[in-house]
Amino acid sequence: NRSKAVTKWENLPAPLKVLRQWVCVRSDSKIPMQALRPEPASASDPDTWSSYEEARQAVEAGHYDGVGFVFREGGGLVGLDIDAAFEDRLLTPLGAELILACKSYTERSRSGRGLHILLSGELPFHGRNNRQGVEIYQSRRYFILTGDVMFYRKISGNQPAIERILERHFPELEPSGN
């Protein structure tokens, strides 16, 4: 029984706000929803995505509790989702490591226990979950964005950090990424 989510609209990265890659969410679900009709959205179908303004208006009208940003093929954006970035309200070593490596837009996740980091770059695959608390995606996924920014407010390009994260946290991948 979560209370209504509070999105810090002013903190969401401006470069994302011009993209038509937004969906909505309810506080009791992770299912992406279409902003303009009460139907599920698909992280792989751009016809179900909306503009930032449409998604924000749907939330402000009370139809939904928050917004999500969808990563799309060829978009040049990579998202990191760190599930257990905080313990007893303190940043974990894993959370600190990834924030310092990326030096890019970082926000607390909706649960308050995790982090999202968004950066410019490319992956050799759509996305992966290492089953140890780190997920990394560049397409076919969406992140519920809160605007609850920590440390870095702007999306930076940092391909070297992405490469280091893949080596350290996704060692099962071949060096070529295949």
N, C-alpha and C. Protein backbone atom coordinates (compact mmCIF):
# COMPACT_ATOMS: atom_id res chain seq x y z
N ASN A 1 0.83 -1.19 0.00
CA ASN A 1 0.00 0.00 0.00
C ASN A 1 0.87 1.25 0.00
N ARG A 2 1.45 1.49 -1.14
CA ARG A 2 2.30 2.67 -1.27
C ARG A 2 1.45 3.92 -1.38
N SER A 3 2.01 5.01 -0.89
CA SER A 3 1.33 6.28 -1.10
C SER A 3 1.60 6.71 -2.54
N LYS A 4 0.84 7.69 -2.98
CA LYS A 4 0.99 8.16 -4.35
C LYS A 4 2.43 8.60 -4.60
N ALA A 5 2.99 8.15 -5.72
CA ALA A 5 4.37 8.51 -6.07
C ALA A 5 4.48 10.01 -6.32
N VAL A 6 5.61 10.56 -5.96
CA VAL A 6 5.86 11.97 -6.23
C VAL A 6 7.02 12.04 -7.22
N THR A 7 6.75 12.53 -8.40
CA THR A 7 7.79 12.68 -9.41
C THR A 7 8.33 14.10 -9.33
N LYS A 8 9.63 14.22 -9.25
CA LYS A 8 10.27 15.54 -9.25
C LYS A 8 10.51 15.91 -10.71
N TRP A 9 9.45 16.42 -11.34
CA TRP A 9 9.44 16.70 -12.78
C TRP A 9 10.62 17.54 -13.23
N GLU A 10 10.95 18.57 -12.44
CA GLU A 10 11.99 19.52 -12.85
C GLU A 10 13.37 18.87 -12.94
N ASN A 11 13.55 17.71 -12.29
CA ASN A 11 14.85 17.05 -12.28
C ASN A 11 15.03 16.02 -13.39
N LEU A 12 13.94 15.66 -14.06
CA LEU A 12 14.08 14.68 -15.14
C LEU A 12 14.92 15.31 -16.26
N PRO A 13 15.83 14.53 -16.86
CA PRO A 13 16.75 15.10 -17.85
C PRO A 13 16.04 15.70 -19.07
N ALA A 14 16.37 16.95 -19.36
CA ALA A 14 15.75 17.67 -20.49
C ALA A 14 15.88 16.92 -21.82
N PRO A 15 17.04 16.29 -22.12
CA PRO A 15 17.14 15.60 -23.41
C PRO A 15 16.12 14.46 -23.58
N LEU A 16 15.66 13.89 -22.47
CA LEU A 16 14.66 12.81 -22.55
C LEU A 16 13.27 13.38 -22.82
N LYS A 17 13.03 14.60 -22.34
CA LYS A 17 11.69 15.18 -22.41
C LYS A 17 11.26 15.48 -23.84
N VAL A 18 12.19 15.57 -24.78
CA VAL A 18 11.82 15.83 -26.18
C VAL A 18 11.59 14.55 -26.96
N LEU A 19 11.85 13.40 -26.35
CA LEU A 19 11.69 12.11 -27.03
C LEU A 19 10.30 11.53 -26.77
N ARG A 20 9.76 10.87 -27.77
CA ARG A 20 8.45 10.23 -27.65
C ARG A 20 8.65 8.78 -27.20
N GLN A 21 9.14 8.63 -25.95
CA GLN A 21 9.48 7.32 -25.41
C GLN A 21 8.99 7.18 -23.97
N TRP A 22 7.81 7.75 -23.70
CA TRP A 22 7.29 7.77 -22.34
C TRP A 22 6.07 6.88 -22.18
N VAL A 23 5.98 6.29 -21.01
CA VAL A 23 4.82 5.49 -20.61
C VAL A 23 4.43 5.94 -19.20
N CYS A 24 3.35 5.41 -18.70
CA CYS A 24 2.88 5.73 -17.35
C CYS A 24 2.86 4.46 -16.51
N VAL A 25 2.77 4.64 -15.19
CA VAL A 25 2.70 3.51 -14.27
C VAL A 25 1.79 3.85 -13.10
N ARG A 26 1.26 2.79 -12.51
CA ARG A 26 0.53 2.93 -11.26
C ARG A 26 1.46 2.53 -10.12
N SER A 27 1.22 3.07 -8.95
CA SER A 27 2.14 2.83 -7.83
C SER A 27 2.13 1.37 -7.37
N ASP A 28 1.09 0.63 -7.67
CA ASP A 28 1.00 -0.76 -7.22
C ASP A 28 1.41 -1.76 -8.30
N SER A 29 2.06 -1.28 -9.38
CA SER A 29 2.38 -2.16 -10.49
C SER A 29 3.64 -1.69 -11.22
N LYS A 30 4.30 -2.62 -11.89
CA LYS A 30 5.43 -2.27 -12.75
C LYS A 30 5.04 -2.35 -14.23
N ILE A 31 3.80 -2.65 -14.51
CA ILE A 31 3.35 -2.77 -15.89
C ILE A 31 3.30 -1.38 -16.53
N PRO A 32 4.02 -1.20 -17.67
CA PRO A 32 3.94 0.10 -18.34
C PRO A 32 2.55 0.29 -18.95
N MET A 33 2.03 1.50 -18.83
CA MET A 33 0.70 1.81 -19.34
C MET A 33 0.77 2.94 -20.37
N GLN A 34 -0.15 2.92 -21.32
CA GLN A 34 -0.23 3.99 -22.30
C GLN A 34 -0.81 5.24 -21.65
N ALA A 35 -0.24 6.38 -21.97
CA ALA A 35 -0.70 7.63 -21.38
C ALA A 35 -2.09 8.03 -21.87
N LEU A 36 -2.39 7.72 -23.12
CA LEU A 36 -3.61 8.23 -23.73
C LEU A 36 -4.79 7.26 -23.71
N ARG A 37 -4.56 6.03 -23.27
CA ARG A 37 -5.66 5.07 -23.13
C ARG A 37 -5.32 4.09 -22.01
N PRO A 38 -6.30 3.60 -21.31
CA PRO A 38 -6.04 2.73 -20.15
C PRO A 38 -5.69 1.30 -20.56
N GLU A 39 -4.62 1.17 -21.33
CA GLU A 39 -4.17 -0.14 -21.81
C GLU A 39 -2.67 -0.26 -21.58
N PRO A 40 -2.19 -1.50 -21.43
CA PRO A 40 -0.74 -1.68 -21.26
C PRO A 40 0.04 -1.15 -22.46
N ALA A 41 1.21 -0.63 -22.17
CA ALA A 41 2.15 -0.23 -23.22
C ALA A 41 3.16 -1.37 -23.38
N SER A 42 3.91 -1.33 -24.46
CA SER A 42 4.93 -2.34 -24.71
C SER A 42 6.29 -1.66 -24.83
N ALA A 43 7.28 -2.21 -24.15
CA ALA A 43 8.63 -1.64 -24.22
C ALA A 43 9.27 -1.87 -25.59
N SER A 44 8.61 -2.63 -26.46
CA SER A 44 9.15 -2.86 -27.80
C SER A 44 8.26 -2.30 -28.90
N ASP A 45 7.17 -1.62 -28.55
CA ASP A 45 6.24 -1.07 -29.56
C ASP A 45 6.08 0.44 -29.40
N PRO A 46 6.79 1.22 -30.23
CA PRO A 46 6.73 2.68 -30.12
C PRO A 46 5.32 3.25 -30.29
N ASP A 47 4.41 2.51 -30.93
CA ASP A 47 3.04 3.00 -31.09
C ASP A 47 2.31 3.11 -29.76
N THR A 48 2.85 2.49 -28.71
CA THR A 48 2.21 2.54 -27.39
C THR A 48 2.87 3.56 -26.46
N TRP A 49 3.86 4.29 -26.97
CA TRP A 49 4.57 5.29 -26.18
C TRP A 49 3.98 6.66 -26.44
N SER A 50 4.30 7.60 -25.57
CA SER A 50 3.77 8.96 -25.66
C SER A 50 4.89 9.98 -25.53
N SER A 51 4.50 11.23 -25.68
CA SER A 51 5.41 12.32 -25.40
C SER A 51 5.50 12.48 -23.88
N TYR A 52 6.54 13.17 -23.46
CA TYR A 52 6.70 13.47 -22.03
C TYR A 52 5.49 14.24 -21.53
N GLU A 53 5.06 15.25 -22.28
CA GLU A 53 3.93 16.08 -21.84
C GLU A 53 2.65 15.26 -21.70
N GLU A 54 2.40 14.35 -22.64
CA GLU A 54 1.20 13.51 -22.55
C GLU A 54 1.26 12.62 -21.30
N ALA A 55 2.43 12.04 -21.04
CA ALA A 55 2.58 11.17 -19.87
C ALA A 55 2.43 11.98 -18.57
N ARG A 56 3.06 13.14 -18.54
CA ARG A 56 2.96 13.97 -17.34
C ARG A 56 1.51 14.41 -17.10
N GLN A 57 0.82 14.81 -18.15
CA GLN A 57 -0.59 15.23 -18.00
C GLN A 57 -1.46 14.09 -17.50
N ALA A 58 -1.20 12.86 -17.96
CA ALA A 58 -1.98 11.71 -17.50
C ALA A 58 -1.77 11.48 -16.00
N VAL A 59 -0.53 11.70 -15.52
CA VAL A 59 -0.24 11.58 -14.09
C VAL A 59 -0.91 12.71 -13.31
N GLU A 60 -0.73 13.92 -13.81
CA GLU A 60 -1.29 15.08 -13.09
C GLU A 60 -2.82 15.06 -13.07
N ALA A 61 -3.45 14.40 -14.06
CA ALA A 61 -4.90 14.27 -14.08
C ALA A 61 -5.38 13.16 -13.14
N GLY A 62 -4.43 12.41 -12.56
CA GLY A 62 -4.79 11.36 -11.61
C GLY A 62 -5.04 9.99 -12.22
N HIS A 63 -4.78 9.82 -13.52
CA HIS A 63 -4.98 8.52 -14.16
C HIS A 63 -3.89 7.52 -13.77
N TYR A 64 -2.70 8.05 -13.50
CA TYR A 64 -1.55 7.20 -13.15
C TYR A 64 -0.77 7.88 -12.04
N ASP A 65 0.22 7.14 -11.49
CA ASP A 65 0.99 7.65 -10.37
C ASP A 65 2.41 8.09 -10.73
N GLY A 66 2.90 7.68 -11.90
CA GLY A 66 4.26 8.02 -12.28
C GLY A 66 4.49 7.78 -13.75
N VAL A 67 5.71 8.10 -14.19
CA VAL A 67 6.08 7.95 -15.60
C VAL A 67 7.28 7.03 -15.74
N GLY A 68 7.40 6.48 -16.93
CA GLY A 68 8.56 5.66 -17.26
C GLY A 68 9.13 6.08 -18.59
N PHE A 69 10.43 5.89 -18.75
CA PHE A 69 11.11 6.19 -20.00
C PHE A 69 11.53 4.87 -20.64
N VAL A 70 11.21 4.70 -21.93
CA VAL A 70 11.50 3.46 -22.65
C VAL A 70 12.81 3.61 -23.43
N PHE A 71 13.70 2.65 -23.25
CA PHE A 71 14.94 2.61 -24.02
C PHE A 71 14.64 1.95 -25.36
N ARG A 72 15.11 2.58 -26.44
CA ARG A 72 14.83 2.05 -27.77
C ARG A 72 16.12 1.75 -28.54
N GLU A 73 16.01 0.80 -29.44
CA GLU A 73 17.11 0.42 -30.31
C GLU A 73 17.68 1.65 -31.02
N GLY A 74 18.98 1.80 -30.99
CA GLY A 74 19.61 2.92 -31.69
C GLY A 74 19.46 4.26 -31.01
N GLY A 75 18.95 4.28 -29.78
CA GLY A 75 18.72 5.54 -29.09
C GLY A 75 19.96 6.16 -28.46
N GLY A 76 21.03 5.36 -28.36
CA GLY A 76 22.27 5.88 -27.80
C GLY A 76 22.25 6.09 -26.30
N LEU A 77 21.24 5.53 -25.62
CA LEU A 77 21.15 5.65 -24.17
C LEU A 77 21.25 4.27 -23.52
N VAL A 78 21.96 4.22 -22.42
CA VAL A 78 22.10 3.00 -21.64
C VAL A 78 21.59 3.29 -20.24
N GLY A 79 20.85 2.34 -19.68
CA GLY A 79 20.33 2.49 -18.33
C GLY A 79 20.85 1.39 -17.43
N LEU A 80 21.33 1.78 -16.26
CA LEU A 80 21.74 0.84 -15.22
C LEU A 80 20.70 0.86 -14.11
N ASP A 81 20.31 -0.32 -13.66
CA ASP A 81 19.37 -0.45 -12.56
C ASP A 81 20.08 -1.23 -11.47
N ILE A 82 20.34 -0.59 -10.34
CA ILE A 82 21.01 -1.23 -9.22
C ILE A 82 19.98 -1.43 -8.12
N ASP A 83 19.65 -2.68 -7.85
CA ASP A 83 18.55 -2.98 -6.93
C ASP A 83 18.85 -2.64 -5.47
N ALA A 84 20.00 -3.06 -4.98
CA ALA A 84 20.32 -2.87 -3.56
C ALA A 84 21.44 -1.85 -3.42
N ALA A 85 21.15 -0.62 -3.80
CA ALA A 85 22.16 0.44 -3.77
C ALA A 85 22.25 1.08 -2.39
N PHE A 86 21.27 0.81 -1.55
CA PHE A 86 21.26 1.38 -0.20
C PHE A 86 21.00 0.30 0.82
N GLU A 87 21.68 0.43 1.96
CA GLU A 87 21.45 -0.46 3.09
C GLU A 87 21.41 0.44 4.32
N ASP A 88 20.36 0.34 5.09
CA ASP A 88 20.16 1.23 6.24
C ASP A 88 20.30 2.70 5.81
N ARG A 89 19.74 3.02 4.67
CA ARG A 89 19.72 4.37 4.08
C ARG A 89 21.10 4.89 3.68
N LEU A 90 22.11 4.02 3.73
CA LEU A 90 23.46 4.41 3.31
C LEU A 90 23.78 3.74 1.98
N LEU A 91 24.55 4.43 1.16
CA LEU A 91 24.95 3.90 -0.13
C LEU A 91 25.83 2.67 0.06
N THR A 92 25.55 1.59 -0.67
CA THR A 92 26.36 0.38 -0.60
C THR A 92 27.63 0.58 -1.42
N PRO A 93 28.66 -0.24 -1.19
CA PRO A 93 29.86 -0.16 -2.03
C PRO A 93 29.54 -0.33 -3.53
N LEU A 94 28.61 -1.20 -3.86
CA LEU A 94 28.22 -1.39 -5.26
C LEU A 94 27.61 -0.12 -5.83
N GLY A 95 26.70 0.49 -5.10
CA GLY A 95 26.08 1.73 -5.55
C GLY A 95 27.11 2.83 -5.76
N ALA A 96 28.01 2.98 -4.79
CA ALA A 96 29.06 4.00 -4.89
C ALA A 96 29.97 3.73 -6.08
N GLU A 97 30.36 2.48 -6.27
CA GLU A 97 31.23 2.11 -7.39
C GLU A 97 30.62 2.52 -8.73
N LEU A 98 29.36 2.20 -8.92
CA LEU A 98 28.73 2.46 -10.22
C LEU A 98 28.46 3.95 -10.43
N ILE A 99 28.09 4.67 -9.40
CA ILE A 99 27.91 6.12 -9.52
C ILE A 99 29.23 6.77 -9.92
N LEU A 100 30.31 6.41 -9.23
CA LEU A 100 31.61 7.01 -9.51
C LEU A 100 32.13 6.61 -10.89
N ALA A 101 31.85 5.40 -11.31
CA ALA A 101 32.31 4.95 -12.64
C ALA A 101 31.60 5.71 -13.75
N CYS A 102 30.30 5.91 -13.61
CA CYS A 102 29.49 6.48 -14.69
C CYS A 102 29.53 8.01 -14.74
N LYS A 103 29.48 8.64 -13.58
CA LYS A 103 29.46 10.11 -13.52
C LYS A 103 28.39 10.69 -14.46
N SER A 104 27.18 10.15 -14.34
CA SER A 104 26.07 10.56 -15.20
C SER A 104 24.79 10.59 -14.37
N TYR A 105 23.70 11.04 -14.99
CA TYR A 105 22.41 11.18 -14.30
C TYR A 105 22.13 9.97 -13.40
N THR A 106 21.91 10.25 -12.12
CA THR A 106 21.64 9.20 -11.13
C THR A 106 20.44 9.62 -10.29
N GLU A 107 19.50 8.69 -10.12
CA GLU A 107 18.33 8.95 -9.28
C GLU A 107 18.02 7.72 -8.44
N ARG A 108 17.36 7.98 -7.31
CA ARG A 108 16.84 6.88 -6.49
C ARG A 108 15.66 6.27 -7.24
N SER A 109 15.53 4.97 -7.12
CA SER A 109 14.40 4.29 -7.74
C SER A 109 13.14 4.51 -6.89
N ARG A 110 12.02 4.09 -7.41
CA ARG A 110 10.73 4.28 -6.75
C ARG A 110 10.71 3.66 -5.36
N SER A 111 11.38 2.52 -5.18
CA SER A 111 11.39 1.84 -3.88
C SER A 111 12.22 2.59 -2.84
N GLY A 112 13.16 3.44 -3.31
CA GLY A 112 14.06 4.13 -2.41
C GLY A 112 15.28 3.30 -2.04
N ARG A 113 15.30 2.03 -2.44
CA ARG A 113 16.42 1.14 -2.13
C ARG A 113 17.39 0.98 -3.31
N GLY A 114 16.97 1.39 -4.49
CA GLY A 114 17.78 1.20 -5.68
C GLY A 114 18.15 2.50 -6.35
N LEU A 115 18.94 2.37 -7.41
CA LEU A 115 19.36 3.52 -8.20
C LEU A 115 19.15 3.24 -9.67
N HIS A 116 18.91 4.31 -10.42
CA HIS A 116 18.96 4.28 -11.87
C HIS A 116 20.06 5.23 -12.30
N ILE A 117 20.88 4.78 -13.23
CA ILE A 117 21.90 5.65 -13.83
C ILE A 117 21.66 5.62 -15.33
N LEU A 118 21.55 6.79 -15.94
CA LEU A 118 21.37 6.89 -17.39
C LEU A 118 22.61 7.54 -17.98
N LEU A 119 23.13 6.95 -19.06
CA LEU A 119 24.29 7.53 -19.71
C LEU A 119 24.23 7.27 -21.21
N SER A 120 24.95 8.09 -21.95
CA SER A 120 25.04 7.90 -23.40
C SER A 120 26.07 6.82 -23.67
N GLY A 121 25.77 5.94 -24.62
CA GLY A 121 26.69 4.88 -24.98
C GLY A 121 25.95 3.76 -25.68
N GLU A 122 26.65 2.67 -25.88
CA GLU A 122 26.10 1.52 -26.59
C GLU A 122 26.46 0.23 -25.86
N LEU A 123 25.59 -0.76 -26.01
CA LEU A 123 25.85 -2.10 -25.51
C LEU A 123 25.91 -3.06 -26.70
N PRO A 124 26.60 -4.19 -26.55
CA PRO A 124 26.64 -5.18 -27.63
C PRO A 124 25.42 -6.12 -27.60
N PHE A 125 24.39 -5.76 -26.83
CA PHE A 125 23.17 -6.57 -26.70
C PHE A 125 22.05 -5.64 -26.23
N HIS A 126 20.82 -6.15 -26.18
CA HIS A 126 19.67 -5.33 -25.74
C HIS A 126 19.76 -4.98 -24.26
N GLY A 127 20.10 -5.98 -23.46
CA GLY A 127 20.18 -5.78 -22.03
C GLY A 127 20.43 -7.07 -21.29
N ARG A 128 20.83 -6.95 -20.03
CA ARG A 128 21.13 -8.12 -19.21
C ARG A 128 20.84 -7.81 -17.74
N ASN A 129 20.55 -8.88 -17.00
CA ASN A 129 20.41 -8.85 -15.55
C ASN A 129 21.44 -9.85 -15.03
N ASN A 130 22.40 -9.40 -14.22
CA ASN A 130 23.44 -10.34 -13.76
C ASN A 130 23.01 -11.17 -12.55
N ARG A 131 21.76 -10.99 -12.11
CA ARG A 131 21.20 -11.73 -10.97
C ARG A 131 21.95 -11.47 -9.67
N GLN A 132 22.76 -10.40 -9.66
CA GLN A 132 23.48 -10.01 -8.44
C GLN A 132 23.21 -8.53 -8.15
N GLY A 133 22.07 -8.04 -8.63
CA GLY A 133 21.66 -6.70 -8.30
C GLY A 133 21.98 -5.63 -9.34
N VAL A 134 22.56 -6.03 -10.49
CA VAL A 134 22.88 -5.05 -11.53
C VAL A 134 22.20 -5.45 -12.83
N GLU A 135 21.43 -4.52 -13.38
CA GLU A 135 20.83 -4.72 -14.70
C GLU A 135 21.31 -3.58 -15.58
N ILE A 136 21.49 -3.88 -16.88
CA ILE A 136 21.93 -2.86 -17.83
C ILE A 136 21.16 -3.05 -19.14
N TYR A 137 20.61 -1.97 -19.68
CA TYR A 137 19.76 -2.05 -20.86
C TYR A 137 20.01 -0.90 -21.81
N GLN A 138 19.75 -1.16 -23.11
CA GLN A 138 19.73 -0.08 -24.09
C GLN A 138 18.49 -0.14 -24.97
N SER A 139 17.70 -1.21 -24.86
CA SER A 139 16.44 -1.27 -25.61
C SER A 139 15.53 -2.33 -25.00
N ARG A 140 14.23 -2.23 -25.39
CA ARG A 140 13.21 -3.21 -24.99
C ARG A 140 12.92 -3.24 -23.49
N ARG A 141 13.28 -2.18 -22.78
CA ARG A 141 13.00 -2.06 -21.36
C ARG A 141 12.64 -0.62 -21.06
N TYR A 142 12.04 -0.41 -19.90
CA TYR A 142 11.77 0.95 -19.46
C TYR A 142 12.10 1.07 -17.99
N PHE A 143 12.42 2.28 -17.58
CA PHE A 143 12.67 2.58 -16.17
C PHE A 143 11.59 3.53 -15.69
N ILE A 144 11.03 3.25 -14.52
CA ILE A 144 10.15 4.21 -13.86
C ILE A 144 11.07 5.31 -13.31
N LEU A 145 10.89 6.52 -13.79
CA LEU A 145 11.76 7.62 -13.37
C LEU A 145 11.10 8.44 -12.27
N THR A 146 11.91 8.83 -11.30
CA THR A 146 11.40 9.56 -10.14
C THR A 146 11.86 11.02 -10.11
N GLY A 147 13.01 11.31 -10.73
CA GLY A 147 13.58 12.64 -10.62
C GLY A 147 14.22 12.90 -9.27
N ASP A 148 14.31 11.87 -8.42
CA ASP A 148 14.93 11.99 -7.10
C ASP A 148 16.45 11.88 -7.29
N VAL A 149 17.05 12.95 -7.79
CA VAL A 149 18.43 12.96 -8.26
C VAL A 149 19.43 12.89 -7.12
N MET A 150 20.52 12.16 -7.39
CA MET A 150 21.66 12.07 -6.47
C MET A 150 22.93 12.33 -7.27
N PHE A 151 23.71 13.25 -6.83
CA PHE A 151 25.06 13.52 -7.35
C PHE A 151 25.10 14.10 -8.77
N TYR A 152 24.60 13.38 -9.77
CA TYR A 152 24.74 13.82 -11.16
C TYR A 152 23.37 14.08 -11.78
N ARG A 153 23.18 15.28 -12.32
CA ARG A 153 21.90 15.69 -12.88
C ARG A 153 21.82 15.58 -14.39
N LYS A 154 22.97 15.49 -15.07
CA LYS A 154 22.98 15.47 -16.53
C LYS A 154 23.42 14.11 -17.05
N ILE A 155 22.88 13.73 -18.20
CA ILE A 155 23.28 12.49 -18.85
C ILE A 155 24.60 12.74 -19.57
N SER A 156 25.60 11.94 -19.24
CA SER A 156 26.93 12.08 -19.84
C SER A 156 27.23 10.88 -20.73
N GLY A 157 28.10 11.09 -21.68
CA GLY A 157 28.61 9.98 -22.49
C GLY A 157 29.78 9.36 -21.77
N ASN A 158 29.76 8.04 -21.59
CA ASN A 158 30.86 7.39 -20.88
C ASN A 158 30.96 5.93 -21.31
N GLN A 159 31.33 5.71 -22.56
CA GLN A 159 31.49 4.35 -23.06
C GLN A 159 32.56 3.57 -22.30
N PRO A 160 33.68 4.20 -21.91
CA PRO A 160 34.67 3.44 -21.12
C PRO A 160 34.08 2.88 -19.82
N ALA A 161 33.21 3.64 -19.16
CA ALA A 161 32.58 3.13 -17.93
C ALA A 161 31.68 1.94 -18.25
N ILE A 162 30.95 2.02 -19.35
CA ILE A 162 30.09 0.91 -19.75
C ILE A 162 30.93 -0.35 -19.97
N GLU A 163 32.07 -0.20 -20.66
CA GLU A 163 32.96 -1.34 -20.92
C GLU A 163 33.46 -1.95 -19.60
N ARG A 164 33.86 -1.09 -18.65
CA ARG A 164 34.35 -1.58 -17.35
C ARG A 164 33.24 -2.31 -16.58
N ILE A 165 32.03 -1.77 -16.65
CA ILE A 165 30.90 -2.41 -15.95
C ILE A 165 30.62 -3.78 -16.56
N LEU A 166 30.66 -3.87 -17.87
CA LEU A 166 30.44 -5.16 -18.53
C LEU A 166 31.51 -6.16 -18.11
N GLU A 167 32.78 -5.74 -18.10
CA GLU A 167 33.87 -6.64 -17.70
C GLU A 167 33.72 -7.11 -16.26
N ARG A 168 33.38 -6.18 -15.38
CA ARG A 168 33.34 -6.49 -13.95
C ARG A 168 32.06 -7.21 -13.51
N HIS A 169 30.91 -6.77 -14.05
CA HIS A 169 29.64 -7.28 -13.54
C HIS A 169 28.93 -8.26 -14.49
N PHE A 170 29.46 -8.39 -15.70
CA PHE A 170 28.87 -9.32 -16.67
C PHE A 170 30.00 -10.14 -17.31
N PRO A 171 30.81 -10.83 -16.49
CA PRO A 171 32.01 -11.51 -17.00
C PRO A 171 31.70 -12.69 -17.93
N GLU A 172 30.46 -13.15 -17.94
CA GLU A 172 30.10 -14.28 -18.81
C GLU A 172 30.09 -13.88 -20.28
N LEU A 173 30.12 -12.59 -20.55
CA LEU A 173 30.09 -12.12 -21.93
C LEU A 173 31.47 -12.28 -22.56
N GLU A 174 31.48 -12.67 -23.82
CA GLU A 174 32.73 -12.74 -24.55
C GLU A 174 33.23 -11.32 -24.77
N PRO A 175 34.53 -11.11 -24.89
CA PRO A 175 35.05 -9.76 -25.10
C PRO A 175 34.42 -9.04 -26.30
N SER A 176 34.06 -9.78 -27.32
CA SER A 176 33.44 -9.15 -28.49
C SER A 176 31.98 -8.81 -28.23
N GLY A 177 31.44 -9.30 -27.12
CA GLY A 177 30.05 -9.02 -26.76
C GLY A 177 29.07 -10.00 -27.36
N ASN A 178 29.54 -10.99 -28.07
CA ASN A 178 28.64 -11.98 -28.72
C ASN A 178 28.27 -13.10 -27.77
